[in-house]
């Protein structure tokens, strides 16, 4: 029988891996697709890097849709 503690550890571990993957995906997306004009790229990279997955979520919800509408990428 699987102990409840093991299940909790596995769920938290899986969630952590998903959040790290999401953070890396948004950081790479920002670095490769954000415009070099102005300080937008640098600002967003700093926000994502310092705030971790919360910064990545802010980028996904606030900036990415605007960038896709403006530049199509």
PDB file of N, CA and C in Angstrom:
ATOM      1  N   UNK A   1       0.842  -1.182   0.000  1.00  0.00           N
ATOM      2  CA  UNK A   1       0.000   0.000   0.000  1.00  0.00           C
ATOM      3  C   UNK A   1       0.889   1.248   0.000  1.00  0.00           C
ATOM      4  N   UNK A   2       0.476   2.251  -0.737  1.00  0.00           N
ATOM      5  CA  UNK A   2       1.239   3.490  -0.845  1.00  0.00           C
ATOM      6  C   UNK A   2       0.824   4.426   0.283  1.00  0.00           C
ATOM      7  N   UNK A   3       1.836   4.953   0.958  1.00  0.00           N
ATOM      8  CA  UNK A   3       1.536   5.839   2.087  1.00  0.00           C
ATOM      9  C   UNK A   3       1.083   7.213   1.582  1.00  0.00           C
ATOM     10  N   UNK A   4       0.244   7.891   2.336  1.00  0.00           N
ATOM     11  CA  UNK A   4      -0.214   9.226   1.942  1.00  0.00           C
ATOM     12  C   UNK A   4       0.932  10.237   1.840  1.00  0.00           C
ATOM     13  N   UNK A   5       1.948  10.055   2.668  1.00  0.00           N
ATOM     14  CA  UNK A   5       3.094  10.967   2.617  1.00  0.00           C
ATOM     15  C   UNK A   5       3.818  10.864   1.280  1.00  0.00           C
ATOM     16  N   UNK A   6       3.953   9.638   0.778  1.00  0.00           N
ATOM     17  CA  UNK A   6       4.614   9.434  -0.509  1.00  0.00           C
ATOM     18  C   UNK A   6       3.812  10.073  -1.634  1.00  0.00           C
ATOM     19  N   UNK A   7       2.518   9.944  -1.588  1.00  0.00           N
ATOM     20  CA  UNK A   7       1.662  10.551  -2.606  1.00  0.00           C
ATOM     21  C   UNK A   7       1.808  12.067  -2.581  1.00  0.00           C
ATOM     22  N   UNK A   8       1.820  12.643  -1.395  1.00  0.00           N
ATOM     23  CA  UNK A   8       1.974  14.096  -1.270  1.00  0.00           C
ATOM     24  C   UNK A   8       3.322  14.540  -1.822  1.00  0.00           C
ATOM     25  N   UNK A   9       4.375  13.825  -1.488  1.00  0.00           N
ATOM     26  CA  UNK A   9       5.711  14.164  -1.985  1.00  0.00           C
ATOM     27  C   UNK A   9       5.751  14.063  -3.506  1.00  0.00           C
ATOM     28  N   UNK A  10       5.160  13.028  -4.072  1.00  0.00           N
ATOM     29  CA  UNK A  10       5.150  12.863  -5.524  1.00  0.00           C
ATOM     30  C   UNK A  10       4.345  13.961  -6.215  1.00  0.00           C
ATOM     31  N   UNK A  11       3.216  14.325  -5.658  1.00  0.00           N
ATOM     32  CA  UNK A  11       2.395  15.388  -6.247  1.00  0.00           C
ATOM     33  C   UNK A  11       3.127  16.724  -6.188  1.00  0.00           C
ATOM     34  N   UNK A  12       3.718  17.028  -5.050  1.00  0.00           N
ATOM     35  CA  UNK A  12       4.467  18.282  -4.917  1.00  0.00           C
ATOM     36  C   UNK A  12       5.679  18.282  -5.849  1.00  0.00           C
ATOM     37  N   UNK A  13       6.362  17.151  -5.965  1.00  0.00           N
ATOM     38  CA  UNK A  13       7.505  17.055  -6.867  1.00  0.00           C
ATOM     39  C   UNK A  13       7.109  17.252  -8.317  1.00  0.00           C
ATOM     40  N   UNK A  14       6.007  16.646  -8.733  1.00  0.00           N
ATOM     41  CA  UNK A  14       5.526  16.802 -10.105  1.00  0.00           C
ATOM     42  C   UNK A  14       5.120  18.249 -10.370  1.00  0.00           C
ATOM     43  N   UNK A  15       4.409  18.849  -9.424  1.00  0.00           N
ATOM     44  CA  UNK A  15       4.017  20.255  -9.563  1.00  0.00           C
ATOM     45  C   UNK A  15       5.251  21.147  -9.677  1.00  0.00           C
ATOM     46  N   UNK A  16       6.265  20.885  -8.876  1.00  0.00           N
ATOM     47  CA  UNK A  16       7.498  21.679  -8.921  1.00  0.00           C
ATOM     48  C   UNK A  16       8.187  21.555 -10.267  1.00  0.00           C
ATOM     49  N   UNK A  17       8.262  20.345 -10.793  1.00  0.00           N
ATOM     50  CA  UNK A  17       8.875  20.146 -12.111  1.00  0.00           C
ATOM     51  C   UNK A  17       8.098  20.873 -13.203  1.00  0.00           C
ATOM     52  N   UNK A  18       6.784  20.825 -13.132  1.00  0.00           N
ATOM     53  CA  UNK A  18       5.966  21.538 -14.111  1.00  0.00           C
ATOM     54  C   UNK A  18       6.178  23.047 -14.019  1.00  0.00           C
ATOM     55  N   UNK A  19       6.282  23.577 -12.830  1.00  0.00           N
ATOM     56  CA  UNK A  19       6.487  25.013 -12.655  1.00  0.00           C
ATOM     57  C   UNK A  19       7.872  25.443 -13.147  1.00  0.00           C
ATOM     58  N   UNK A  20       8.878  24.618 -12.912  1.00  0.00           N
ATOM     59  CA  UNK A  20      10.222  24.921 -13.418  1.00  0.00           C
ATOM     60  C   UNK A  20      10.227  24.896 -14.941  1.00  0.00           C
ATOM     61  N   UNK A  21       9.571  23.906 -15.522  1.00  0.00           N
ATOM     62  CA  UNK A  21       9.467  23.832 -16.980  1.00  0.00           C
ATOM     63  C   UNK A  21       8.740  25.033 -17.555  1.00  0.00           C
ATOM     64  N   UNK A  22       7.651  25.432 -16.915  1.00  0.00           N
ATOM     65  CA  UNK A  22       6.899  26.608 -17.348  1.00  0.00           C
ATOM     66  C   UNK A  22       7.762  27.856 -17.252  1.00  0.00           C
ATOM     67  N   UNK A  23       8.519  27.998 -16.163  1.00  0.00           N
ATOM     68  CA  UNK A  23       9.398  29.154 -15.975  1.00  0.00           C
ATOM     69  C   UNK A  23      10.450  29.219 -17.085  1.00  0.00           C
ATOM     70  N   UNK A  24      11.075  28.090 -17.379  1.00  0.00           N
ATOM     71  CA  UNK A  24      12.095  28.042 -18.433  1.00  0.00           C
ATOM     72  C   UNK A  24      11.477  28.368 -19.789  1.00  0.00           C
ATOM     73  N   UNK A  25      10.291  27.829 -20.069  1.00  0.00           N
ATOM     74  CA  UNK A  25       9.607  28.077 -21.338  1.00  0.00           C
ATOM     75  C   UNK A  25       9.331  29.568 -21.519  1.00  0.00           C
ATOM     76  N   UNK A  26       8.814  30.239 -20.492  1.00  0.00           N
ATOM     77  CA  UNK A  26       8.501  31.662 -20.598  1.00  0.00           C
ATOM     78  C   UNK A  26       9.770  32.506 -20.691  1.00  0.00           C
ATOM     79  N   UNK A  27      10.826  32.107 -19.991  1.00  0.00           N
ATOM     80  CA  UNK A  27      12.092  32.836 -20.073  1.00  0.00           C
ATOM     81  C   UNK A  27      12.670  32.738 -21.482  1.00  0.00           C
ATOM     82  N   UNK A  28      12.672  31.555 -22.054  1.00  0.00           N
ATOM     83  CA  UNK A  28      13.168  31.368 -23.420  1.00  0.00           C
ATOM     84  C   UNK A  28      12.280  32.109 -24.414  1.00  0.00           C
ATOM     85  N   UNK A  29      10.964  32.050 -24.225  1.00  0.00           N
ATOM     86  CA  UNK A  29      10.034  32.766 -25.094  1.00  0.00           C
ATOM     87  C   UNK A  29      10.324  34.259 -25.074  1.00  0.00           C
ATOM     88  N   UNK A  30      10.545  34.805 -23.910  1.00  0.00           N
ATOM     89  CA  UNK A  30      10.833  36.229 -23.779  1.00  0.00           C
ATOM     90  C   UNK A  30      12.163  36.592 -24.439  1.00  0.00           C
ATOM     91  N   UNK A  31      13.180  35.789 -24.194  1.00  0.00           N
ATOM     92  CA  UNK A  31      14.508  36.083 -24.745  1.00  0.00           C
ATOM     93  C   UNK A  31      14.516  35.993 -26.266  1.00  0.00           C
ATOM     94  N   UNK A  32      13.839  35.010 -26.824  1.00  0.00           N
ATOM     95  CA  UNK A  32      13.920  34.784 -28.266  1.00  0.00           C
ATOM     96  C   UNK A  32      12.900  35.567 -29.081  1.00  0.00           C
ATOM     97  N   UNK A  33      11.764  35.933 -28.499  1.00  0.00           N
ATOM     98  CA  UNK A  33      10.700  36.527 -29.307  1.00  0.00           C
ATOM     99  C   UNK A  33      10.339  37.955 -28.947  1.00  0.00           C
ATOM    100  N   UNK A  34      10.824  38.451 -27.844  1.00  0.00           N
ATOM    101  CA  UNK A  34      10.507  39.826 -27.452  1.00  0.00           C
ATOM    102  C   UNK A  34      11.341  40.783 -28.299  1.00  0.00           C
ATOM    103  N   UNK A  35      10.771  41.921 -28.663  1.00  0.00           N
ATOM    104  CA  UNK A  35      11.442  42.904 -29.505  1.00  0.00           C
ATOM    105  C   UNK A  35      12.660  43.495 -28.787  1.00  0.00           C
ATOM    106  N   UNK A  36      13.695  43.794 -29.562  1.00  0.00           N
ATOM    107  CA  UNK A  36      14.903  44.401 -29.003  1.00  0.00           C
ATOM    108  C   UNK A  36      14.768  45.910 -28.822  1.00  0.00           C
ATOM    109  N   UNK A  37      13.687  46.493 -29.319  1.00  0.00           N
ATOM    110  CA  UNK A  37      13.485  47.931 -29.205  1.00  0.00           C
ATOM    111  C   UNK A  37      13.119  48.291 -27.768  1.00  0.00           C
ATOM    112  N   UNK A  38      13.744  49.334 -27.273  1.00  0.00           N
ATOM    113  CA  UNK A  38      13.459  49.775 -25.906  1.00  0.00           C
ATOM    114  C   UNK A  38      14.009  48.809 -24.871  1.00  0.00           C
ATOM    115  N   UNK A  39      13.467  48.894 -23.685  1.00  0.00           N
ATOM    116  CA  UNK A  39      13.934  48.061 -22.580  1.00  0.00           C
ATOM    117  C   UNK A  39      12.957  46.954 -22.218  1.00  0.00           C
ATOM    118  N   UNK A  40      11.980  46.686 -23.068  1.00  0.00           N
ATOM    119  CA  UNK A  40      10.965  45.679 -22.748  1.00  0.00           C
ATOM    120  C   UNK A  40      11.568  44.311 -22.489  1.00  0.00           C
ATOM    121  N   UNK A  41      12.467  43.887 -23.369  1.00  0.00           N
ATOM    122  CA  UNK A  41      13.045  42.551 -23.219  1.00  0.00           C
ATOM    123  C   UNK A  41      13.806  42.430 -21.908  1.00  0.00           C
ATOM    124  N   UNK A  42      14.658  43.392 -21.629  1.00  0.00           N
ATOM    125  CA  UNK A  42      15.468  43.352 -20.409  1.00  0.00           C
ATOM    126  C   UNK A  42      14.578  43.389 -19.172  1.00  0.00           C
ATOM    127  N   UNK A  43      13.578  44.245 -19.201  1.00  0.00           N
ATOM    128  CA  UNK A  43      12.664  44.355 -18.060  1.00  0.00           C
ATOM    129  C   UNK A  43      11.944  43.043 -17.806  1.00  0.00           C
ATOM    130  N   UNK A  44      11.401  42.438 -18.861  1.00  0.00           N
ATOM    131  CA  UNK A  44      10.666  41.183 -18.681  1.00  0.00           C
ATOM    132  C   UNK A  44      11.577  40.037 -18.268  1.00  0.00           C
ATOM    133  N   UNK A  45      12.788  39.987 -18.792  1.00  0.00           N
ATOM    134  CA  UNK A  45      13.728  38.934 -18.375  1.00  0.00           C
ATOM    135  C   UNK A  45      14.040  39.074 -16.889  1.00  0.00           C
ATOM    136  N   UNK A  46      14.238  40.298 -16.428  1.00  0.00           N
ATOM    137  CA  UNK A  46      14.503  40.520 -15.001  1.00  0.00           C
ATOM    138  C   UNK A  46      13.297  40.119 -14.158  1.00  0.00           C
ATOM    139  N   UNK A  47      12.099  40.505 -14.593  1.00  0.00           N
ATOM    140  CA  UNK A  47      10.882  40.144 -13.848  1.00  0.00           C
ATOM    141  C   UNK A  47      10.737  38.632 -13.765  1.00  0.00           C
ATOM    142  N   UNK A  48      10.898  37.957 -14.896  1.00  0.00           N
ATOM    143  CA  UNK A  48      10.749  36.496 -14.916  1.00  0.00           C
ATOM    144  C   UNK A  48      11.835  35.834 -14.075  1.00  0.00           C
ATOM    145  N   UNK A  49      13.067  36.319 -14.195  1.00  0.00           N
ATOM    146  CA  UNK A  49      14.173  35.700 -13.463  1.00  0.00           C
ATOM    147  C   UNK A  49      14.044  35.896 -11.953  1.00  0.00           C
ATOM    148  N   UNK A  50      13.638  37.079 -11.527  1.00  0.00           N
ATOM    149  CA  UNK A  50      13.578  37.357 -10.093  1.00  0.00           C
ATOM    150  C   UNK A  50      12.334  36.799  -9.410  1.00  0.00           C
ATOM    151  N   UNK A  51      11.218  36.764 -10.121  1.00  0.00           N
ATOM    152  CA  UNK A  51       9.972  36.318  -9.500  1.00  0.00           C
ATOM    153  C   UNK A  51       9.654  34.849  -9.759  1.00  0.00           C
ATOM    154  N   UNK A  52      10.504  34.186 -10.537  1.00  0.00           N
ATOM    155  CA  UNK A  52      10.291  32.755 -10.766  1.00  0.00           C
ATOM    156  C   UNK A  52       9.027  32.482 -11.557  1.00  0.00           C
ATOM    157  N   UNK A  53       8.315  31.416 -11.173  1.00  0.00           N
ATOM    158  CA  UNK A  53       7.133  31.028 -11.945  1.00  0.00           C
ATOM    159  C   UNK A  53       6.015  32.059 -11.826  1.00  0.00           C
ATOM    160  N   UNK A  54       6.002  32.852 -10.759  1.00  0.00           N
ATOM    161  CA  UNK A  54       4.998  33.915 -10.648  1.00  0.00           C
ATOM    162  C   UNK A  54       5.281  35.001 -11.688  1.00  0.00           C
ATOM    163  N   UNK A  55       6.546  35.352 -11.868  1.00  0.00           N
ATOM    164  CA  UNK A  55       6.919  36.303 -12.911  1.00  0.00           C
ATOM    165  C   UNK A  55       6.605  35.771 -14.297  1.00  0.00           C
ATOM    166  N   UNK A  56       6.809  34.470 -14.493  1.00  0.00           N
ATOM    167  CA  UNK A  56       6.476  33.849 -15.775  1.00  0.00           C
ATOM    168  C   UNK A  56       4.977  33.901 -16.025  1.00  0.00           C
ATOM    169  N   UNK A  57       4.195  33.689 -14.989  1.00  0.00           N
ATOM    170  CA  UNK A  57       2.739  33.761 -15.121  1.00  0.00           C
ATOM    171  C   UNK A  57       2.289  35.190 -15.429  1.00  0.00           C
ATOM    172  N   UNK A  58       2.905  36.166 -14.777  1.00  0.00           N
ATOM    173  CA  UNK A  58       2.593  37.569 -15.066  1.00  0.00           C
ATOM    174  C   UNK A  58       2.926  37.879 -16.522  1.00  0.00           C
ATOM    175  N   UNK A  59       4.079  37.420 -16.994  1.00  0.00           N
ATOM    176  CA  UNK A  59       4.471  37.634 -18.387  1.00  0.00           C
ATOM    177  C   UNK A  59       3.466  36.985 -19.332  1.00  0.00           C
ATOM    178  N   UNK A  60       3.078  35.756 -19.035  1.00  0.00           N
ATOM    179  CA  UNK A  60       2.135  35.033 -19.894  1.00  0.00           C
ATOM    180  C   UNK A  60       0.801  35.769 -19.986  1.00  0.00           C
ATOM    181  N   UNK A  61       0.309  36.269 -18.877  1.00  0.00           N
ATOM    182  CA  UNK A  61      -1.009  36.905 -18.859  1.00  0.00           C
ATOM    183  C   UNK A  61      -0.984  38.367 -19.303  1.00  0.00           C
ATOM    184  N   UNK A  62       0.103  39.084 -19.020  1.00  0.00           N
ATOM    185  CA  UNK A  62       0.132  40.523 -19.280  1.00  0.00           C
ATOM    186  C   UNK A  62       0.792  40.891 -20.609  1.00  0.00           C
ATOM    187  N   UNK A  63       1.926  40.319 -20.912  1.00  0.00           N
ATOM    188  CA  UNK A  63       2.695  40.786 -22.060  1.00  0.00           C
ATOM    189  C   UNK A  63       2.554  39.911 -23.298  1.00  0.00           C
ATOM    190  N   UNK A  64       2.569  38.620 -23.133  1.00  0.00           N
ATOM    191  CA  UNK A  64       2.610  37.728 -24.289  1.00  0.00           C
ATOM    192  C   UNK A  64       1.439  37.943 -25.251  1.00  0.00           C
ATOM    193  N   UNK A  65       0.186  38.057 -24.795  1.00  0.00           N
ATOM    194  CA  UNK A  65      -0.907  38.290 -25.750  1.00  0.00           C
ATOM    195  C   UNK A  65      -0.752  39.603 -26.515  1.00  0.00           C
ATOM    196  N   UNK A  66      -0.253  40.638 -25.849  1.00  0.00           N
ATOM    197  CA  UNK A  66      -0.024  41.925 -26.509  1.00  0.00           C
ATOM    198  C   UNK A  66       1.049  41.788 -27.574  1.00  0.00           C
ATOM    199  N   UNK A  67       2.136  41.092 -27.254  1.00  0.00           N
ATOM    200  CA  UNK A  67       3.216  40.900 -28.214  1.00  0.00           C
ATOM    201  C   UNK A  67       2.748  40.095 -29.413  1.00  0.00           C
ATOM    202  N   UNK A  68       1.959  39.068 -29.184  1.00  0.00           N
ATOM    203  CA  UNK A  68       1.459  38.239 -30.282  1.00  0.00           C
ATOM    204  C   UNK A  68       0.572  39.074 -31.200  1.00  0.00           C
ATOM    205  N   UNK A  69      -0.265  39.937 -30.627  1.00  0.00           N
ATOM    206  CA  UNK A  69      -1.110  40.808 -31.455  1.00  0.00           C
ATOM    207  C   UNK A  69      -0.263  41.794 -32.250  1.00  0.00           C
ATOM    208  N   UNK A  70       0.788  42.348 -31.643  1.00  0.00           N
ATOM    209  CA  UNK A  70       1.610  43.355 -32.306  1.00  0.00           C
ATOM    210  C   UNK A  70       2.503  42.761 -33.383  1.00  0.00           C
ATOM    211  N   UNK A  71       3.203  41.691 -33.037  1.00  0.00           N
ATOM    212  CA  UNK A  71       4.238  41.168 -33.921  1.00  0.00           C
ATOM    213  C   UNK A  71       3.882  39.831 -34.553  1.00  0.00           C
ATOM    214  N   UNK A  72       2.831  39.204 -34.105  1.00  0.00           N
ATOM    215  CA  UNK A  72       2.433  37.916 -34.653  1.00  0.00           C
ATOM    216  C   UNK A  72       3.296  36.758 -34.206  1.00  0.00           C
ATOM    217  N   UNK A  73       4.049  36.941 -33.140  1.00  0.00           N
ATOM    218  CA  UNK A  73       4.890  35.839 -32.635  1.00  0.00           C
ATOM    219  C   UNK A  73       4.978  35.874 -31.144  1.00  0.00           C
TER     220      UNK A  73
END
